[in-house]
Amino acid sequence: MMDNFTPARSADEARFKDELVDAGIPEHLHDWLGEFGVGALVVKMGIRFLEMSPERTVATMPVEGNTQVAGILHGGAHVVLAETLGSFAAGMHAGPGRQALGIEVGATHHRAIAAGTVTGTCTAIHLGRTLATHEIVITDEQGRRLSTARITNLIRDISA
């Protein structure tokens, strides 16, 4: 089993290069994600990263295509954005030879949105040796809070 920080083989790297660029992944993280890409759900949801670090990760997501039957952004879409941000941040914190595994996620929805783009801002609450916890605030284009989420990831060594 390979860790998420081992440089990718050239064929895999080429396969996901466009995906990484389209998702806004900074060049210095391409080796980390080159073998796996950002994941099919991230692509499907239209998530685009603006900032990436263990302490703060920011991304946007369109409302269009991610709505529920009433025409508003699906609550699960809020959680997908939140879990994506928290998991990527925890994975960066874990570092080479280690991995982050989500063990808890929860969200409170404050306001609905029917159009536009939302922004998720993920901030570290705790970055420890075995646990990483992040808070994710999702806002609309006017900066109004739509939801607040929290995710905790277990950090563990990858067994060879």
C-alpha atoms as a PDB file:
ATOM      1  CA  MET A   1       0.000   0.000   0.000  1.00  0.00           C
ATOM      2  CA  MET A   2       1.393   3.422  -0.941  1.00  0.00           C
ATOM      3  CA  ASP A   3       1.091   6.485   1.258  1.00  0.00           C
ATOM      4  CA  ASN A   4      -0.489   9.636  -0.120  1.00  0.00           C
ATOM      5  CA  PHE A   5       2.831  11.491  -0.258  1.00  0.00           C
ATOM      6  CA  THR A   6       4.853   9.095  -2.417  1.00  0.00           C
ATOM      7  CA  PRO A   7       5.519  10.651  -5.829  1.00  0.00           C
ATOM      8  CA  ALA A   8       3.195   9.206  -8.425  1.00  0.00           C
ATOM      9  CA  ARG A   9       4.280   7.147 -11.369  1.00  0.00           C
ATOM     10  CA  SER A  10       4.388   9.204 -14.539  1.00  0.00           C
ATOM     11  CA  ALA A  11       1.344   7.508 -16.162  1.00  0.00           C
ATOM     12  CA  ASP A  12      -0.850   8.182 -13.107  1.00  0.00           C
ATOM     13  CA  GLU A  13       0.501  11.710 -12.782  1.00  0.00           C
ATOM     14  CA  ALA A  14      -0.377  12.473 -16.403  1.00  0.00           C
ATOM     15  CA  ARG A  15      -3.800  10.867 -15.977  1.00  0.00           C
ATOM     16  CA  PHE A  16      -4.811  13.184 -13.141  1.00  0.00           C
ATOM     17  CA  LYS A  17      -2.857  16.324 -14.073  1.00  0.00           C
ATOM     18  CA  ASP A  18      -5.823  18.077 -15.713  1.00  0.00           C
ATOM     19  CA  GLU A  19      -8.096  17.072 -12.830  1.00  0.00           C
ATOM     20  CA  LEU A  20      -5.671  18.524 -10.276  1.00  0.00           C
ATOM     21  CA  VAL A  21      -5.290  21.757 -12.247  1.00  0.00           C
ATOM     22  CA  ASP A  22      -9.065  22.088 -12.775  1.00  0.00           C
ATOM     23  CA  ALA A  23      -9.656  21.595  -9.026  1.00  0.00           C
ATOM     24  CA  GLY A  24      -7.165  24.357  -8.169  1.00  0.00           C
ATOM     25  CA  ILE A  25      -4.672  22.054  -6.448  1.00  0.00           C
ATOM     26  CA  PRO A  26      -1.362  23.918  -5.985  1.00  0.00           C
ATOM     27  CA  GLU A  27       1.550  22.497  -7.982  1.00  0.00           C
ATOM     28  CA  HIS A  28       3.506  21.551  -4.834  1.00  0.00           C
ATOM     29  CA  LEU A  29       0.709  19.092  -3.891  1.00  0.00           C
ATOM     30  CA  HIS A  30       0.551  17.329  -7.264  1.00  0.00           C
ATOM     31  CA  ASP A  31       2.985  14.600  -6.167  1.00  0.00           C
ATOM     32  CA  TRP A  32       0.800  13.863  -3.137  1.00  0.00           C
ATOM     33  CA  LEU A  33      -2.414  13.576  -5.178  1.00  0.00           C
ATOM     34  CA  GLY A  34      -0.957  12.593  -8.542  1.00  0.00           C
ATOM     35  CA  GLU A  35      -1.716   8.894  -8.275  1.00  0.00           C
ATOM     36  CA  PHE A  36      -5.291   9.291  -7.024  1.00  0.00           C
ATOM     37  CA  GLY A  37      -6.495  12.705  -8.188  1.00  0.00           C
ATOM     38  CA  VAL A  38      -8.975  14.626  -6.059  1.00  0.00           C
ATOM     39  CA  GLY A  39     -11.669  11.946  -6.194  1.00  0.00           C
ATOM     40  CA  ALA A  40     -14.716  11.464  -8.380  1.00  0.00           C
ATOM     41  CA  LEU A  41     -17.100  13.124  -5.926  1.00  0.00           C
ATOM     42  CA  VAL A  42     -15.000  16.299  -5.708  1.00  0.00           C
ATOM     43  CA  VAL A  43     -15.058  16.492  -9.513  1.00  0.00           C
ATOM     44  CA  LYS A  44     -18.812  15.760  -9.707  1.00  0.00           C
ATOM     45  CA  MET A  45     -19.674  18.402  -7.095  1.00  0.00           C
ATOM     46  CA  GLY A  46     -17.544  21.043  -8.858  1.00  0.00           C
ATOM     47  CA  ILE A  47     -15.355  21.755  -5.814  1.00  0.00           C
ATOM     48  CA  ARG A  48     -12.446  24.092  -6.571  1.00  0.00           C
ATOM     49  CA  PHE A  49      -9.678  24.740  -4.050  1.00  0.00           C
ATOM     50  CA  LEU A  50      -8.435  28.284  -3.411  1.00  0.00           C
ATOM     51  CA  GLU A  51      -6.094  27.714  -0.432  1.00  0.00           C
ATOM     52  CA  MET A  52      -4.615  24.515   0.977  1.00  0.00           C
ATOM     53  CA  SER A  53      -2.745  23.977   4.230  1.00  0.00           C
ATOM     54  CA  PRO A  54      -3.331  21.894   7.359  1.00  0.00           C
ATOM     55  CA  GLU A  55      -4.327  25.045   9.259  1.00  0.00           C
ATOM     56  CA  ARG A  56      -6.628  26.595   6.640  1.00  0.00           C
ATOM     57  CA  THR A  57      -8.162  25.165   3.481  1.00  0.00           C
ATOM     58  CA  VAL A  58     -10.667  27.077   1.340  1.00  0.00           C
ATOM     59  CA  ALA A  59     -12.750  25.911  -1.635  1.00  0.00           C
ATOM     60  CA  THR A  60     -15.811  26.896  -3.613  1.00  0.00           C
ATOM     61  CA  MET A  61     -18.690  24.806  -4.926  1.00  0.00           C
ATOM     62  CA  PRO A  62     -21.557  25.736  -7.272  1.00  0.00           C
ATOM     63  CA  VAL A  63     -25.124  25.439  -6.054  1.00  0.00           C
ATOM     64  CA  GLU A  64     -26.290  24.420  -9.531  1.00  0.00           C
ATOM     65  CA  GLY A  65     -26.165  20.658  -9.919  1.00  0.00           C
ATOM     66  CA  ASN A  66     -26.016  20.129  -6.143  1.00  0.00           C
ATOM     67  CA  THR A  67     -29.602  20.907  -5.178  1.00  0.00           C
ATOM     68  CA  GLN A  68     -32.357  18.854  -3.610  1.00  0.00           C
ATOM     69  CA  VAL A  69     -35.951  18.538  -4.827  1.00  0.00           C
ATOM     70  CA  ALA A  70     -36.994  21.931  -3.366  1.00  0.00           C
ATOM     71  CA  GLY A  71     -34.348  23.663  -5.503  1.00  0.00           C
ATOM     72  CA  ILE A  72     -31.967  24.584  -2.674  1.00  0.00           C
ATOM     73  CA  LEU A  73     -28.440  23.364  -2.001  1.00  0.00           C
ATOM     74  CA  HIS A  74     -28.719  19.838  -0.614  1.00  0.00           C
ATOM     75  CA  GLY A  75     -27.709  19.488   3.042  1.00  0.00           C
ATOM     76  CA  GLY A  76     -25.560  16.549   2.027  1.00  0.00           C
ATOM     77  CA  ALA A  77     -23.717  18.802  -0.430  1.00  0.00           C
ATOM     78  CA  HIS A  78     -22.804  21.084   2.486  1.00  0.00           C
ATOM     79  CA  VAL A  79     -21.407  18.045   4.291  1.00  0.00           C
ATOM     80  CA  VAL A  80     -19.533  16.802   1.210  1.00  0.00           C
ATOM     81  CA  LEU A  81     -17.786  20.180   0.907  1.00  0.00           C
ATOM     82  CA  ALA A  82     -17.032  20.249   4.635  1.00  0.00           C
ATOM     83  CA  GLU A  83     -15.706  16.698   4.774  1.00  0.00           C
ATOM     84  CA  THR A  84     -13.604  17.255   1.659  1.00  0.00           C
ATOM     85  CA  LEU A  85     -11.964  20.334   3.152  1.00  0.00           C
ATOM     86  CA  GLY A  86     -11.367  18.754   6.561  1.00  0.00           C
ATOM     87  CA  SER A  87     -10.054  15.519   5.100  1.00  0.00           C
ATOM     88  CA  PHE A  88      -7.616  17.241   2.741  1.00  0.00           C
ATOM     89  CA  ALA A  89      -6.366  19.502   5.563  1.00  0.00           C
ATOM     90  CA  ALA A  90      -5.934  16.528   7.920  1.00  0.00           C
ATOM     91  CA  GLY A  91      -4.160  14.552   5.189  1.00  0.00           C
ATOM     92  CA  MET A  92      -1.661  17.373   4.736  1.00  0.00           C
ATOM     93  CA  HIS A  93      -1.160  17.483   8.506  1.00  0.00           C
ATOM     94  CA  ALA A  94      -0.631  13.707   8.666  1.00  0.00           C
ATOM     95  CA  GLY A  95       2.342  13.936   6.303  1.00  0.00           C
ATOM     96  CA  PRO A  96       4.362  11.244   4.549  1.00  0.00           C
ATOM     97  CA  GLY A  97       3.858   7.667   5.728  1.00  0.00           C
ATOM     98  CA  ARG A  98       0.664   8.572   7.593  1.00  0.00           C
ATOM     99  CA  GLN A  99      -2.988   8.903   6.649  1.00  0.00           C
ATOM    100  CA  ALA A 100      -6.086  10.689   7.908  1.00  0.00           C
ATOM    101  CA  LEU A 101      -9.312   8.728   8.361  1.00  0.00           C
ATOM    102  CA  GLY A 102     -12.552  10.561   9.102  1.00  0.00           C
ATOM    103  CA  ILE A 103     -14.177   9.306  12.312  1.00  0.00           C
ATOM    104  CA  GLU A 104     -16.825  11.977  12.949  1.00  0.00           C
ATOM    105  CA  VAL A 105     -18.546  14.715  10.956  1.00  0.00           C
ATOM    106  CA  GLY A 106     -21.539  16.851  11.836  1.00  0.00           C
ATOM    107  CA  ALA A 107     -23.182  19.973  10.472  1.00  0.00           C
ATOM    108  CA  THR A 108     -25.734  22.595  11.396  1.00  0.00           C
ATOM    109  CA  HIS A 109     -27.542  24.298   8.526  1.00  0.00           C
ATOM    110  CA  HIS A 110     -28.394  27.949   9.197  1.00  0.00           C
ATOM    111  CA  ARG A 111     -29.703  29.304   5.897  1.00  0.00           C
ATOM    112  CA  ALA A 112     -30.768  27.987   2.495  1.00  0.00           C
ATOM    113  CA  ILE A 113     -29.375  29.001  -0.891  1.00  0.00           C
ATOM    114  CA  ALA A 114     -30.867  28.361  -4.339  1.00  0.00           C
ATOM    115  CA  ALA A 115     -28.274  29.817  -6.738  1.00  0.00           C
ATOM    116  CA  GLY A 116     -24.690  30.979  -6.957  1.00  0.00           C
ATOM    117  CA  THR A 117     -21.519  29.670  -5.427  1.00  0.00           C
ATOM    118  CA  VAL A 118     -20.732  28.745  -1.845  1.00  0.00           C
ATOM    119  CA  THR A 119     -17.350  29.002  -0.144  1.00  0.00           C
ATOM    120  CA  GLY A 120     -16.119  26.630   2.536  1.00  0.00           C
ATOM    121  CA  THR A 121     -13.415  27.816   4.916  1.00  0.00           C
ATOM    122  CA  CYS A 122     -11.818  25.066   6.975  1.00  0.00           C
ATOM    123  CA  THR A 123      -9.881  26.083  10.088  1.00  0.00           C
ATOM    124  CA  ALA A 124      -7.898  23.781  12.350  1.00  0.00           C
ATOM    125  CA  ILE A 125      -9.199  23.423  15.890  1.00  0.00           C
ATOM    126  CA  HIS A 126      -6.695  20.731  16.928  1.00  0.00           C
ATOM    127  CA  LEU A 127      -3.734  19.267  15.038  1.00  0.00           C
ATOM    128  CA  GLY A 128      -2.355  16.454  17.152  1.00  0.00           C
ATOM    129  CA  ARG A 129      -0.296  13.333  16.621  1.00  0.00           C
ATOM    130  CA  THR A 130      -3.330  11.017  16.449  1.00  0.00           C
ATOM    131  CA  LEU A 131      -6.318  13.350  15.908  1.00  0.00           C
ATOM    132  CA  ALA A 132      -7.018  16.397  13.771  1.00  0.00           C
ATOM    133  CA  THR A 133     -10.221  18.399  14.200  1.00  0.00           C
ATOM    134  CA  HIS A 134     -11.378  21.171  11.863  1.00  0.00           C
ATOM    135  CA  GLU A 135     -14.302  23.581  11.776  1.00  0.00           C
ATOM    136  CA  ILE A 136     -15.763  24.390   8.366  1.00  0.00           C
ATOM    137  CA  VAL A 137     -17.909  27.469   7.780  1.00  0.00           C
ATOM    138  CA  ILE A 138     -19.823  27.580   4.500  1.00  0.00           C
ATOM    139  CA  THR A 139     -20.930  31.006   3.288  1.00  0.00           C
ATOM    140  CA  ASP A 140     -22.737  32.512   0.309  1.00  0.00           C
ATOM    141  CA  GLU A 141     -21.356  35.154  -2.054  1.00  0.00           C
ATOM    142  CA  GLN A 142     -22.435  37.904   0.385  1.00  0.00           C
ATOM    143  CA  GLY A 143     -20.522  36.264   3.247  1.00  0.00           C
ATOM    144  CA  ARG A 144     -23.644  35.037   5.065  1.00  0.00           C
ATOM    145  CA  ARG A 145     -23.145  31.823   7.026  1.00  0.00           C
ATOM    146  CA  LEU A 146     -25.075  28.923   5.496  1.00  0.00           C
ATOM    147  CA  SER A 147     -23.763  26.086   7.623  1.00  0.00           C
ATOM    148  CA  THR A 148     -21.183  25.190  10.233  1.00  0.00           C
ATOM    149  CA  ALA A 149     -19.567  21.761  10.300  1.00  0.00           C
ATOM    150  CA  ARG A 150     -16.918  19.965  12.303  1.00  0.00           C
ATOM    151  CA  ILE A 151     -14.860  16.934  11.316  1.00  0.00           C
ATOM    152  CA  THR A 152     -12.427  14.835  13.325  1.00  0.00           C
ATOM    153  CA  ASN A 153      -9.892  12.629  11.554  1.00  0.00           C
ATOM    154  CA  LEU A 154      -7.836   9.847  13.094  1.00  0.00           C
ATOM    155  CA  ILE A 155      -4.162  10.104  12.104  1.00  0.00           C
ATOM    156  CA  ARG A 156      -2.358   6.797  11.771  1.00  0.00           C
ATOM    157  CA  ASP A 157       0.734   5.279  10.247  1.00  0.00           C
ATOM    158  CA  ILE A 158       0.283   3.465   6.962  1.00  0.00           C
ATOM    159  CA  SER A 159       1.299  -0.172   7.339  1.00  0.00           C
ATOM    160  CA  ALA A 160       3.537  -1.461   4.570  1.00  0.00           C
END
